[in-house]
Amino acid sequence: MEYFDVGKVVNTHGLKGEVRVISITNTPEARYYEGAPLTWFGKDGEKEELTVRSHRQHKNFDLLTFEDYYNINQVQKFVGGILRVGEDLLLDLPENEFYIHEVIGCTVIDNDTDEEIGKVKEVLSPGANDVWVVQRQNQKDLLLPYIEPVILDVDIENRVVRVHVMEGLD
């Protein structure tokens, strides 16, 4: 089964088994409800199935507790690991929304010239808008902001993204 990241455990919180998570998901309420299944992956290849016992938000973090873990000593080992969900738990997204893993590797076509520019290498989230990094042959990567005038059409099924490269972006 393939797994997808939803958050990184960055620290413990208090003494009662709470962990501090920086979330990678846009829908923490749909990932961290009581009884939600998560899989923890450690830095050294360890893996453990967890069930969310509680969730609350504190500053920029999600604070979670897990069933069968009731104190700081039990959850210390989770720090530095990644919380993931299996592909069977991916949520259906609204139209015109995509999972990052669906966009990576898509061919990028310049809508004006109909020529291939390259492939989406990664998606950055620096602030207001995501930035799609397009790997080009024999040129430096092209950075495209994920905004309507630039990203015109995303065809996940055929793995093609049509774009308008605005002046100054290349």
N, C-alpha and C. Protein backbone atom coordinates (compact mmCIF):
# COMPACT_ATOMS: atom_id res chain seq x y z
N MET A 1 0.85 -1.19 0.00
CA MET A 1 0.00 0.00 0.00
C MET A 1 0.88 1.24 0.00
N GLU A 2 0.43 2.27 -0.68
CA GLU A 2 1.15 3.53 -0.71
C GLU A 2 0.63 4.42 0.42
N TYR A 3 1.53 5.19 1.03
CA TYR A 3 1.16 6.08 2.13
C TYR A 3 1.44 7.52 1.76
N PHE A 4 0.66 8.45 2.36
CA PHE A 4 0.80 9.87 2.08
C PHE A 4 0.90 10.64 3.38
N ASP A 5 1.84 11.61 3.42
CA ASP A 5 2.10 12.38 4.64
C ASP A 5 0.92 13.27 5.02
N VAL A 6 0.65 13.32 6.34
CA VAL A 6 -0.33 14.29 6.84
C VAL A 6 0.28 15.21 7.89
N GLY A 7 1.39 14.79 8.50
CA GLY A 7 2.01 15.66 9.50
C GLY A 7 3.32 15.10 10.01
N LYS A 8 4.11 15.99 10.62
CA LYS A 8 5.39 15.59 11.22
C LYS A 8 5.32 15.84 12.72
N VAL A 9 5.69 14.83 13.50
CA VAL A 9 5.72 14.97 14.96
C VAL A 9 7.01 15.72 15.31
N VAL A 10 6.87 16.93 15.86
CA VAL A 10 8.05 17.76 16.12
C VAL A 10 8.43 17.80 17.60
N ASN A 11 7.51 17.42 18.49
CA ASN A 11 7.85 17.44 19.91
C ASN A 11 6.72 16.80 20.71
N THR A 12 7.01 16.61 22.00
CA THR A 12 5.94 16.21 22.92
C THR A 12 5.34 17.49 23.47
N HIS A 13 4.20 17.39 24.14
CA HIS A 13 3.55 18.56 24.71
C HIS A 13 2.97 18.15 26.06
N GLY A 14 3.49 18.70 27.13
CA GLY A 14 3.01 18.33 28.46
C GLY A 14 3.46 16.93 28.84
N LEU A 15 2.84 16.38 29.88
CA LEU A 15 3.26 15.10 30.44
C LEU A 15 2.29 13.96 30.15
N LYS A 16 1.14 14.27 29.54
CA LYS A 16 0.08 13.26 29.41
C LYS A 16 0.02 12.58 28.05
N GLY A 17 1.14 12.52 27.34
CA GLY A 17 1.16 11.76 26.09
C GLY A 17 0.72 12.52 24.86
N GLU A 18 0.70 13.84 24.95
CA GLU A 18 0.33 14.63 23.78
C GLU A 18 1.56 14.88 22.92
N VAL A 19 1.39 14.86 21.60
CA VAL A 19 2.48 15.20 20.69
C VAL A 19 2.11 16.43 19.88
N ARG A 20 3.13 17.20 19.53
CA ARG A 20 2.97 18.42 18.75
C ARG A 20 3.26 18.08 17.29
N VAL A 21 2.31 18.40 16.41
CA VAL A 21 2.42 18.02 15.00
C VAL A 21 2.35 19.26 14.12
N ILE A 22 3.28 19.35 13.16
CA ILE A 22 3.16 20.35 12.10
C ILE A 22 2.45 19.62 10.96
N SER A 23 1.26 20.08 10.64
CA SER A 23 0.43 19.38 9.66
C SER A 23 0.79 19.76 8.23
N ILE A 24 0.69 18.76 7.35
CA ILE A 24 0.91 18.95 5.93
C ILE A 24 -0.44 18.85 5.22
N THR A 25 -1.48 18.57 5.98
CA THR A 25 -2.82 18.42 5.42
C THR A 25 -3.57 19.75 5.52
N ASN A 26 -4.44 20.00 4.54
CA ASN A 26 -5.30 21.19 4.59
C ASN A 26 -6.56 20.92 5.41
N THR A 27 -6.78 19.66 5.78
CA THR A 27 -8.02 19.29 6.47
C THR A 27 -7.71 18.52 7.76
N PRO A 28 -7.10 19.20 8.76
CA PRO A 28 -6.77 18.48 10.00
C PRO A 28 -8.00 17.85 10.67
N GLU A 29 -9.15 18.51 10.56
CA GLU A 29 -10.36 17.98 11.20
C GLU A 29 -10.78 16.65 10.57
N ALA A 30 -10.42 16.43 9.31
CA ALA A 30 -10.77 15.17 8.64
C ALA A 30 -9.70 14.09 8.84
N ARG A 31 -8.57 14.47 9.40
CA ARG A 31 -7.46 13.53 9.63
C ARG A 31 -7.30 13.13 11.08
N TYR A 32 -7.67 14.04 12.01
CA TYR A 32 -7.34 13.84 13.41
C TYR A 32 -8.58 13.69 14.31
N TYR A 33 -9.70 13.25 13.76
CA TYR A 33 -10.89 13.04 14.58
C TYR A 33 -10.66 11.86 15.53
N GLU A 34 -11.43 11.81 16.59
CA GLU A 34 -11.31 10.71 17.55
C GLU A 34 -11.57 9.38 16.84
N GLY A 35 -10.63 8.45 16.95
CA GLY A 35 -10.76 7.15 16.30
C GLY A 35 -10.10 7.07 14.92
N ALA A 36 -9.55 8.20 14.44
CA ALA A 36 -8.92 8.22 13.11
C ALA A 36 -7.66 7.34 13.11
N PRO A 37 -7.51 6.52 12.07
CA PRO A 37 -6.29 5.70 11.96
C PRO A 37 -5.17 6.49 11.29
N LEU A 38 -3.97 6.42 11.87
CA LEU A 38 -2.78 7.02 11.28
C LEU A 38 -1.66 6.00 11.37
N THR A 39 -0.69 6.11 10.49
CA THR A 39 0.47 5.25 10.57
C THR A 39 1.69 6.14 10.79
N TRP A 40 2.45 5.83 11.83
CA TRP A 40 3.66 6.59 12.13
C TRP A 40 4.86 5.89 11.51
N PHE A 41 5.69 6.67 10.83
CA PHE A 41 6.92 6.16 10.24
C PHE A 41 8.10 6.86 10.90
N GLY A 42 9.03 6.09 11.46
CA GLY A 42 10.20 6.66 12.11
C GLY A 42 11.35 6.84 11.14
N LYS A 43 12.38 7.53 11.60
CA LYS A 43 13.55 7.83 10.76
C LYS A 43 14.32 6.57 10.37
N ASP A 44 14.24 5.54 11.19
CA ASP A 44 15.02 4.32 10.93
C ASP A 44 14.18 3.20 10.34
N GLY A 45 13.06 3.57 9.73
CA GLY A 45 12.23 2.57 9.07
C GLY A 45 11.19 1.93 9.96
N GLU A 46 11.11 2.36 11.23
CA GLU A 46 10.06 1.80 12.09
C GLU A 46 8.70 2.27 11.59
N LYS A 47 7.69 1.50 11.95
CA LYS A 47 6.33 1.81 11.50
C LYS A 47 5.37 1.35 12.59
N GLU A 48 4.38 2.16 12.91
CA GLU A 48 3.41 1.78 13.93
C GLU A 48 2.03 2.33 13.60
N GLU A 49 1.03 1.46 13.74
CA GLU A 49 -0.36 1.88 13.52
C GLU A 49 -0.84 2.58 14.79
N LEU A 50 -1.46 3.75 14.63
CA LEU A 50 -1.96 4.52 15.76
C LEU A 50 -3.42 4.88 15.54
N THR A 51 -4.12 5.11 16.65
CA THR A 51 -5.50 5.58 16.59
C THR A 51 -5.59 6.87 17.39
N VAL A 52 -6.11 7.93 16.79
CA VAL A 52 -6.22 9.22 17.45
C VAL A 52 -7.22 9.14 18.61
N ARG A 53 -6.77 9.60 19.78
CA ARG A 53 -7.65 9.65 20.95
C ARG A 53 -8.23 11.06 21.11
N SER A 54 -7.39 12.07 20.85
CA SER A 54 -7.88 13.45 20.94
C SER A 54 -7.06 14.35 20.03
N HIS A 55 -7.66 15.49 19.68
CA HIS A 55 -7.01 16.48 18.82
C HIS A 55 -7.45 17.87 19.27
N ARG A 56 -6.48 18.77 19.34
CA ARG A 56 -6.81 20.18 19.56
C ARG A 56 -5.72 21.01 18.89
N GLN A 57 -6.06 22.26 18.60
CA GLN A 57 -5.07 23.12 17.97
C GLN A 57 -4.50 24.07 19.01
N HIS A 58 -3.20 24.34 18.89
CA HIS A 58 -2.52 25.22 19.81
C HIS A 58 -1.48 25.98 19.02
N LYS A 59 -1.64 27.31 18.93
CA LYS A 59 -0.77 28.13 18.09
C LYS A 59 -0.78 27.58 16.67
N ASN A 60 0.37 27.28 16.08
CA ASN A 60 0.40 26.78 14.70
C ASN A 60 0.48 25.26 14.64
N PHE A 61 0.22 24.59 15.74
CA PHE A 61 0.39 23.14 15.81
C PHE A 61 -0.94 22.43 16.01
N ASP A 62 -0.95 21.16 15.63
CA ASP A 62 -2.04 20.27 16.02
C ASP A 62 -1.48 19.41 17.14
N LEU A 63 -2.22 19.31 18.24
CA LEU A 63 -1.81 18.48 19.37
C LEU A 63 -2.67 17.23 19.37
N LEU A 64 -2.00 16.07 19.37
CA LEU A 64 -2.70 14.79 19.29
C LEU A 64 -2.33 13.90 20.45
N THR A 65 -3.30 13.08 20.87
CA THR A 65 -3.00 11.94 21.74
C THR A 65 -3.48 10.70 21.01
N PHE A 66 -2.88 9.56 21.38
CA PHE A 66 -3.22 8.31 20.73
C PHE A 66 -3.71 7.30 21.75
N GLU A 67 -4.61 6.41 21.32
CA GLU A 67 -5.09 5.35 22.20
C GLU A 67 -3.90 4.52 22.68
N ASP A 68 -3.94 4.11 23.94
CA ASP A 68 -2.92 3.28 24.58
C ASP A 68 -1.62 4.02 24.88
N TYR A 69 -1.56 5.33 24.67
CA TYR A 69 -0.38 6.13 25.02
C TYR A 69 -0.83 7.25 25.94
N TYR A 70 -0.37 7.18 27.22
CA TYR A 70 -0.92 8.10 28.21
C TYR A 70 0.11 8.97 28.91
N ASN A 71 1.41 8.84 28.55
CA ASN A 71 2.37 9.74 29.18
C ASN A 71 3.52 10.06 28.23
N ILE A 72 4.26 11.09 28.61
CA ILE A 72 5.34 11.61 27.77
C ILE A 72 6.37 10.54 27.42
N ASN A 73 6.66 9.64 28.36
CA ASN A 73 7.69 8.63 28.12
C ASN A 73 7.29 7.68 26.99
N GLN A 74 6.00 7.40 26.86
CA GLN A 74 5.53 6.49 25.82
C GLN A 74 5.56 7.12 24.42
N VAL A 75 5.38 8.44 24.33
CA VAL A 75 5.27 9.09 23.02
C VAL A 75 6.57 9.75 22.56
N GLN A 76 7.56 9.80 23.44
CA GLN A 76 8.85 10.42 23.10
C GLN A 76 9.43 9.84 21.81
N LYS A 77 9.25 8.54 21.61
CA LYS A 77 9.82 7.86 20.44
C LYS A 77 9.21 8.35 19.11
N PHE A 78 8.03 8.97 19.17
CA PHE A 78 7.37 9.43 17.94
C PHE A 78 7.97 10.74 17.39
N VAL A 79 8.72 11.48 18.24
CA VAL A 79 9.27 12.78 17.83
C VAL A 79 10.24 12.58 16.65
N GLY A 80 10.06 13.40 15.61
CA GLY A 80 10.90 13.32 14.42
C GLY A 80 10.31 12.44 13.33
N GLY A 81 9.26 11.69 13.67
CA GLY A 81 8.64 10.81 12.68
C GLY A 81 7.53 11.50 11.90
N ILE A 82 7.03 10.80 10.91
CA ILE A 82 5.99 11.33 10.03
C ILE A 82 4.70 10.53 10.23
N LEU A 83 3.58 11.23 10.31
CA LEU A 83 2.26 10.59 10.36
C LEU A 83 1.72 10.53 8.94
N ARG A 84 1.25 9.35 8.55
CA ARG A 84 0.76 9.16 7.18
C ARG A 84 -0.58 8.43 7.20
N VAL A 85 -1.28 8.51 6.06
CA VAL A 85 -2.49 7.72 5.86
C VAL A 85 -2.29 6.87 4.61
N GLY A 86 -2.94 5.71 4.59
CA GLY A 86 -2.88 4.85 3.42
C GLY A 86 -3.72 5.44 2.30
N GLU A 87 -3.42 4.99 1.07
CA GLU A 87 -4.13 5.52 -0.09
C GLU A 87 -5.64 5.29 -0.01
N ASP A 88 -6.05 4.26 0.73
CA ASP A 88 -7.49 3.98 0.87
C ASP A 88 -8.20 5.05 1.70
N LEU A 89 -7.42 5.89 2.42
CA LEU A 89 -8.02 6.94 3.25
C LEU A 89 -7.90 8.33 2.64
N LEU A 90 -7.42 8.41 1.39
CA LEU A 90 -7.37 9.72 0.75
C LEU A 90 -8.79 10.25 0.59
N LEU A 91 -8.94 11.53 0.79
CA LEU A 91 -10.26 12.15 0.70
C LEU A 91 -10.55 12.53 -0.75
N ASP A 92 -11.82 12.49 -1.13
CA ASP A 92 -12.20 12.99 -2.46
C ASP A 92 -12.09 14.51 -2.40
N LEU A 93 -11.36 15.07 -3.32
CA LEU A 93 -11.16 16.51 -3.32
C LEU A 93 -12.18 17.20 -4.22
N PRO A 94 -12.49 18.47 -3.89
CA PRO A 94 -13.37 19.23 -4.78
C PRO A 94 -12.73 19.39 -6.15
N GLU A 95 -13.56 19.73 -7.14
CA GLU A 95 -13.05 19.94 -8.49
C GLU A 95 -11.95 21.00 -8.47
N ASN A 96 -10.94 20.84 -9.31
CA ASN A 96 -9.81 21.77 -9.41
C ASN A 96 -8.91 21.78 -8.19
N GLU A 97 -8.96 20.73 -7.37
CA GLU A 97 -7.99 20.55 -6.30
C GLU A 97 -7.32 19.21 -6.51
N PHE A 98 -6.03 19.14 -6.15
CA PHE A 98 -5.26 17.94 -6.43
C PHE A 98 -4.36 17.63 -5.25
N TYR A 99 -4.01 16.38 -5.13
CA TYR A 99 -2.97 16.00 -4.20
C TYR A 99 -1.63 16.28 -4.87
N ILE A 100 -0.65 16.70 -4.09
CA ILE A 100 0.67 17.01 -4.64
C ILE A 100 1.22 15.81 -5.40
N HIS A 101 1.05 14.60 -4.84
CA HIS A 101 1.62 13.42 -5.51
C HIS A 101 1.01 13.19 -6.89
N GLU A 102 -0.19 13.72 -7.14
CA GLU A 102 -0.82 13.55 -8.45
C GLU A 102 -0.21 14.49 -9.50
N VAL A 103 0.31 15.62 -9.04
CA VAL A 103 0.83 16.64 -9.94
C VAL A 103 2.30 16.38 -10.29
N ILE A 104 3.06 15.82 -9.33
CA ILE A 104 4.48 15.55 -9.55
C ILE A 104 4.63 14.60 -10.75
N GLY A 105 5.51 14.97 -11.67
CA GLY A 105 5.77 14.13 -12.83
C GLY A 105 4.90 14.46 -14.04
N CYS A 106 3.90 15.32 -13.86
CA CYS A 106 3.05 15.71 -15.01
C CYS A 106 3.87 16.52 -16.01
N THR A 107 3.55 16.33 -17.29
CA THR A 107 4.19 17.09 -18.36
C THR A 107 3.57 18.48 -18.41
N VAL A 108 4.42 19.49 -18.52
CA VAL A 108 3.95 20.88 -18.56
C VAL A 108 4.06 21.40 -20.00
N ILE A 109 2.92 21.88 -20.52
CA ILE A 109 2.83 22.38 -21.90
C ILE A 109 2.57 23.88 -21.88
N ASP A 110 3.33 24.62 -22.67
CA ASP A 110 3.09 26.07 -22.83
C ASP A 110 1.85 26.21 -23.71
N ASN A 111 0.79 26.78 -23.17
CA ASN A 111 -0.48 26.89 -23.88
C ASN A 111 -0.37 27.79 -25.11
N ASP A 112 0.54 28.76 -25.08
CA ASP A 112 0.67 29.70 -26.20
C ASP A 112 1.36 29.07 -27.40
N THR A 113 2.39 28.21 -27.15
CA THR A 113 3.17 27.64 -28.26
C THR A 113 2.89 26.17 -28.48
N ASP A 114 2.17 25.53 -27.53
CA ASP A 114 1.87 24.10 -27.57
C ASP A 114 3.14 23.24 -27.42
N GLU A 115 4.22 23.83 -26.93
CA GLU A 115 5.47 23.10 -26.76
C GLU A 115 5.62 22.62 -25.32
N GLU A 116 6.31 21.48 -25.19
CA GLU A 116 6.56 20.93 -23.85
C GLU A 116 7.66 21.75 -23.18
N ILE A 117 7.39 22.16 -21.94
CA ILE A 117 8.36 22.93 -21.16
C ILE A 117 9.21 22.00 -20.31
N GLY A 118 8.57 21.01 -19.70
CA GLY A 118 9.28 20.10 -18.80
C GLY A 118 8.28 19.31 -17.98
N LYS A 119 8.73 18.87 -16.80
CA LYS A 119 7.85 18.09 -15.91
C LYS A 119 7.84 18.72 -14.53
N VAL A 120 6.69 18.59 -13.83
CA VAL A 120 6.59 19.11 -12.47
C VAL A 120 7.47 18.26 -11.57
N LYS A 121 8.44 18.90 -10.93
CA LYS A 121 9.43 18.21 -10.10
C LYS A 121 9.00 18.21 -8.63
N GLU A 122 8.48 19.35 -8.17
CA GLU A 122 8.01 19.44 -6.78
C GLU A 122 7.07 20.62 -6.64
N VAL A 123 6.39 20.66 -5.50
CA VAL A 123 5.48 21.76 -5.20
C VAL A 123 5.95 22.39 -3.89
N LEU A 124 6.23 23.69 -3.93
CA LEU A 124 6.67 24.42 -2.74
C LEU A 124 5.49 25.19 -2.17
N SER A 125 5.48 25.38 -0.86
CA SER A 125 4.42 26.16 -0.21
C SER A 125 5.05 27.29 0.60
N PRO A 126 5.60 28.31 -0.08
CA PRO A 126 6.33 29.35 0.62
C PRO A 126 5.44 30.38 1.32
N GLY A 127 4.20 30.49 0.92
CA GLY A 127 3.36 31.52 1.52
C GLY A 127 1.97 31.52 0.93
N ALA A 128 1.59 32.66 0.35
CA ALA A 128 0.22 32.84 -0.14
C ALA A 128 -0.17 31.82 -1.20
N ASN A 129 0.74 31.52 -2.12
CA ASN A 129 0.43 30.58 -3.21
C ASN A 129 1.47 29.48 -3.24
N ASP A 130 1.02 28.27 -3.63
CA ASP A 130 1.98 27.21 -3.90
C ASP A 130 2.76 27.59 -5.15
N VAL A 131 3.98 27.07 -5.25
CA VAL A 131 4.81 27.29 -6.43
C VAL A 131 5.16 25.92 -7.00
N TRP A 132 4.87 25.73 -8.28
CA TRP A 132 5.17 24.47 -8.95
C TRP A 132 6.54 24.60 -9.61
N VAL A 133 7.45 23.69 -9.27
CA VAL A 133 8.80 23.69 -9.82
C VAL A 133 8.81 22.78 -11.03
N VAL A 134 9.13 23.36 -12.20
CA VAL A 134 9.14 22.60 -13.45
C VAL A 134 10.60 22.37 -13.87
N GLN A 135 10.97 21.10 -13.98
CA GLN A 135 12.32 20.74 -14.40
C GLN A 135 12.39 20.80 -15.92
N ARG A 136 13.34 21.61 -16.42
CA ARG A 136 13.51 21.77 -17.87
C ARG A 136 14.85 21.18 -18.29
N GLN A 137 14.93 20.74 -19.54
CA GLN A 137 16.19 20.21 -20.06
C GLN A 137 17.15 21.35 -20.35
N ASN A 138 18.39 21.21 -19.88
CA ASN A 138 19.47 22.15 -20.16
C ASN A 138 19.15 23.60 -19.79
N GLN A 139 18.22 23.78 -18.85
CA GLN A 139 17.89 25.12 -18.35
C GLN A 139 17.63 24.99 -16.86
N LYS A 140 17.67 26.14 -16.17
CA LYS A 140 17.35 26.04 -14.75
C LYS A 140 15.84 25.81 -14.59
N ASP A 141 15.47 25.32 -13.41
CA ASP A 141 14.06 25.03 -13.14
C ASP A 141 13.21 26.28 -13.31
N LEU A 142 12.00 26.08 -13.79
CA LEU A 142 11.03 27.16 -13.94
C LEU A 142 10.10 27.13 -12.74
N LEU A 143 9.91 28.27 -12.10
CA LEU A 143 9.02 28.36 -10.93
C LEU A 143 7.72 29.02 -11.37
N LEU A 144 6.61 28.28 -11.22
CA LEU A 144 5.31 28.80 -11.63
C LEU A 144 4.39 28.91 -10.42
N PRO A 145 3.88 30.12 -10.15
CA PRO A 145 2.93 30.25 -9.03
C PRO A 145 1.61 29.57 -9.39
N TYR A 146 1.01 28.91 -8.41
CA TYR A 146 -0.27 28.24 -8.66
C TYR A 146 -1.38 29.29 -8.55
N ILE A 147 -1.54 30.05 -9.64
CA ILE A 147 -2.59 31.07 -9.74
C ILE A 147 -3.28 30.90 -11.09
N GLU A 148 -4.53 31.35 -11.18
CA GLU A 148 -5.34 31.12 -12.38
C GLU A 148 -4.72 31.61 -13.69
N PRO A 149 -4.12 32.80 -13.75
CA PRO A 149 -3.58 33.23 -15.04
C PRO A 149 -2.39 32.40 -15.53
N VAL A 150 -1.76 31.62 -14.63
CA VAL A 150 -0.57 30.85 -14.99
C VAL A 150 -0.89 29.37 -15.21
N ILE A 151 -1.50 28.72 -14.24
CA ILE A 151 -1.86 27.30 -14.36
C ILE A 151 -3.27 27.26 -14.96
N LEU A 152 -3.35 26.93 -16.24
CA LEU A 152 -4.63 27.03 -16.95
C LEU A 152 -5.47 25.77 -16.86
N ASP A 153 -4.82 24.60 -16.97
CA ASP A 153 -5.58 23.35 -16.97
C ASP A 153 -4.71 22.23 -16.42
N VAL A 154 -5.27 21.46 -15.51
CA VAL A 154 -4.56 20.32 -14.93
C VAL A 154 -5.37 19.07 -15.26
N ASP A 155 -4.78 18.21 -16.08
CA ASP A 155 -5.43 16.97 -16.49
C ASP A 155 -4.68 15.82 -15.82
N ILE A 156 -5.15 15.44 -14.63
CA ILE A 156 -4.48 14.40 -13.84
C ILE A 156 -4.51 13.06 -14.58
N GLU A 157 -5.63 12.77 -15.22
CA GLU A 157 -5.79 11.48 -15.90
C GLU A 157 -4.73 11.28 -16.99
N ASN A 158 -4.49 12.34 -17.78
CA ASN A 158 -3.51 12.25 -18.86
C ASN A 158 -2.13 12.78 -18.45
N ARG A 159 -2.01 13.25 -17.19
CA ARG A 159 -0.75 13.73 -16.62
C ARG A 159 -0.16 14.91 -17.40
N VAL A 160 -1.06 15.86 -17.76
CA VAL A 160 -0.64 17.04 -18.52
C VAL A 160 -1.14 18.31 -17.82
N VAL A 161 -0.25 19.30 -17.73
CA VAL A 161 -0.61 20.60 -17.17
C VAL A 161 -0.36 21.64 -18.26
N ARG A 162 -1.39 22.44 -18.56
CA ARG A 162 -1.23 23.51 -19.55
C ARG A 162 -1.06 24.82 -18.78
N VAL A 163 -0.05 25.61 -19.21
CA VAL A 163 0.27 26.83 -18.48
C VAL A 163 0.47 28.00 -19.42
N HIS A 164 0.37 29.19 -18.86
CA HIS A 164 0.73 30.43 -19.56
C HIS A 164 1.90 31.01 -18.79
N VAL A 165 3.06 31.03 -19.43
CA VAL A 165 4.26 31.58 -18.77
C VAL A 165 4.24 33.09 -18.93
N MET A 166 3.86 33.77 -17.85
CA MET A 166 3.76 35.23 -17.91
C MET A 166 5.16 35.84 -18.02
N GLU A 167 5.22 36.99 -18.61
CA GLU A 167 6.51 37.68 -18.78
C GLU A 167 7.19 37.84 -17.42
N GLY A 168 8.48 37.54 -17.39
CA GLY A 168 9.22 37.68 -16.14
C GLY A 168 9.33 36.40 -15.35
N LEU A 169 8.53 35.38 -15.68
CA LEU A 169 8.58 34.12 -14.92
C LEU A 169 9.73 33.22 -15.38
N ASP A 170 10.08 33.30 -16.66
CA ASP A 170 11.12 32.40 -17.15
C ASP A 170 12.49 32.99 -16.89
